[in-house]
Amino acid sequence: PACARAGRREEARRLLKEENAEQDERSSRGRAKEDGDQGYMEAEELLRAGRLEEARQALALAERNWAIAGMMNLGGRPFESAIDGLRAQIDAAAAAAEAQAQA
């Protein structure tokens, strides 16, 4: 009986440890999603301010965080589309600025 009880206690500890690890992973992924969202919004603001290189860096960080959070490759690929669209806007703004500088 004492041996069986010790075995059940050990099994309960193992299950609790696994559950805590899963919770930590979910929490970490949730933080990465939030960080990605914030980075994307920051990239939009930087684009509006004309700070294009910083916008590219913020967008790259957003993309990395969304990948960590498992947000890429979802049906319809909404996160990839958002990233591609904002990247195209940054590229267009950079091309316009370069053309204006050469004019």
Protein backbone atom coordinates (compact mmCIF):
# COMPACT_ATOMS: atom_id res chain seq x y z
CA PRO A 1 0.00 0.00 0.00
CA ALA A 2 2.74 2.50 0.91
CA CYS A 3 4.57 1.66 -2.32
CA ALA A 4 1.36 2.07 -4.35
CA ARG A 5 0.69 5.42 -2.65
CA ALA A 6 4.21 6.62 -3.44
CA GLY A 7 3.73 5.55 -7.06
CA ARG A 8 0.44 7.48 -7.29
CA ARG A 9 2.08 10.55 -5.74
CA GLU A 10 4.94 10.35 -8.21
CA GLU A 11 2.47 9.99 -11.10
CA ALA A 12 0.49 13.01 -9.83
CA ARG A 13 3.70 15.06 -9.65
CA ARG A 14 4.64 14.03 -13.18
CA LEU A 15 1.19 14.96 -14.52
CA LEU A 16 1.27 18.31 -12.72
CA LYS A 17 4.71 19.03 -14.14
CA GLU A 18 3.49 18.22 -17.68
CA GLU A 19 0.40 20.38 -17.21
CA ASN A 20 2.52 23.29 -15.97
CA ALA A 21 4.85 22.94 -18.96
CA GLU A 22 1.87 22.99 -21.35
CA GLN A 23 0.47 26.07 -19.61
CA ASP A 24 3.85 27.82 -19.86
CA GLU A 25 4.00 27.04 -23.59
CA ARG A 26 0.47 28.39 -24.15
CA SER A 27 1.33 31.51 -22.17
CA SER A 28 4.55 32.02 -24.12
CA ARG A 29 2.75 31.61 -27.44
CA GLY A 30 0.11 34.10 -26.30
CA ARG A 31 2.80 36.63 -25.43
CA ALA A 32 4.44 36.08 -28.82
CA LYS A 33 1.09 36.72 -30.55
CA GLU A 34 0.64 39.96 -28.59
CA ASP A 35 4.23 41.00 -29.32
CA GLY A 36 3.61 40.31 -33.01
CA ASP A 37 0.45 42.40 -32.99
CA GLN A 38 2.26 45.27 -31.27
CA GLY A 39 5.19 45.04 -33.67
CA TYR A 40 2.86 45.16 -36.66
CA MET A 41 1.09 48.25 -35.34
CA GLU A 42 4.46 49.86 -34.62
CA ALA A 43 5.58 49.12 -38.20
CA GLU A 44 2.44 50.84 -39.49
CA GLU A 45 3.15 53.92 -37.35
CA LEU A 46 6.77 54.03 -38.43
CA LEU A 47 5.71 53.82 -42.08
CA ARG A 48 3.34 56.77 -41.59
CA ALA A 49 6.21 58.70 -39.98
CA GLY A 50 8.48 57.93 -42.94
CA ARG A 51 10.91 55.92 -40.82
CA LEU A 52 11.12 53.12 -43.35
CA GLU A 53 14.13 51.13 -42.13
CA GLU A 54 12.70 51.04 -38.61
CA ALA A 55 9.35 50.00 -40.07
CA ARG A 56 11.04 47.08 -41.85
CA GLN A 57 12.71 46.00 -38.61
CA ALA A 58 9.46 46.19 -36.63
CA LEU A 59 7.69 44.20 -39.35
CA ALA A 60 10.40 41.52 -39.32
CA LEU A 61 10.03 41.22 -35.55
CA ALA A 62 6.25 40.99 -35.87
CA GLU A 63 6.63 38.21 -38.44
CA ARG A 64 9.03 36.31 -36.17
CA ASN A 65 6.72 36.60 -33.16
CA TRP A 66 3.68 35.53 -35.14
CA ALA A 67 5.65 32.50 -36.36
CA ILE A 68 6.55 31.61 -32.76
CA ALA A 69 2.89 31.97 -31.81
CA GLY A 70 1.89 29.56 -34.58
CA MET A 71 -0.09 32.19 -36.48
CA MET A 72 1.51 31.55 -39.86
CA ASN A 73 0.01 29.09 -42.35
CA LEU A 74 -3.52 29.50 -41.03
CA GLY A 75 -6.38 29.03 -43.46
CA GLY A 76 -6.50 31.96 -45.84
CA ARG A 77 -3.03 33.03 -44.63
CA PRO A 78 -4.25 36.32 -43.09
CA PHE A 79 -1.02 37.05 -41.23
CA GLU A 80 1.17 36.44 -44.27
CA SER A 81 -1.14 38.67 -46.34
CA ALA A 82 -0.92 41.45 -43.76
CA ILE A 83 2.87 41.21 -43.66
CA ASP A 84 3.17 41.14 -47.46
CA GLY A 85 0.82 44.11 -47.81
CA LEU A 86 2.65 46.26 -45.30
CA ARG A 87 6.02 45.26 -46.75
CA ALA A 88 4.78 46.35 -50.19
CA GLN A 89 3.71 49.71 -48.76
CA ILE A 90 7.13 50.19 -47.16
CA ASP A 91 8.85 49.26 -50.44
CA ALA A 92 6.63 51.67 -52.38
CA ALA A 93 7.35 54.49 -49.93
CA ALA A 94 11.09 53.80 -50.18
CA ALA A 95 10.94 53.81 -53.99
CA ALA A 96 8.98 57.08 -53.98
CA ALA A 97 11.46 58.67 -51.57
CA GLU A 98 14.38 57.55 -53.74
CA ALA A 99 12.73 58.84 -56.92
CA GLN A 100 12.04 62.18 -55.26
CA ALA A 101 15.64 62.41 -54.03
CA GLN A 102 16.91 61.85 -57.59
CA ALA A 103 14.54 64.40 -59.11
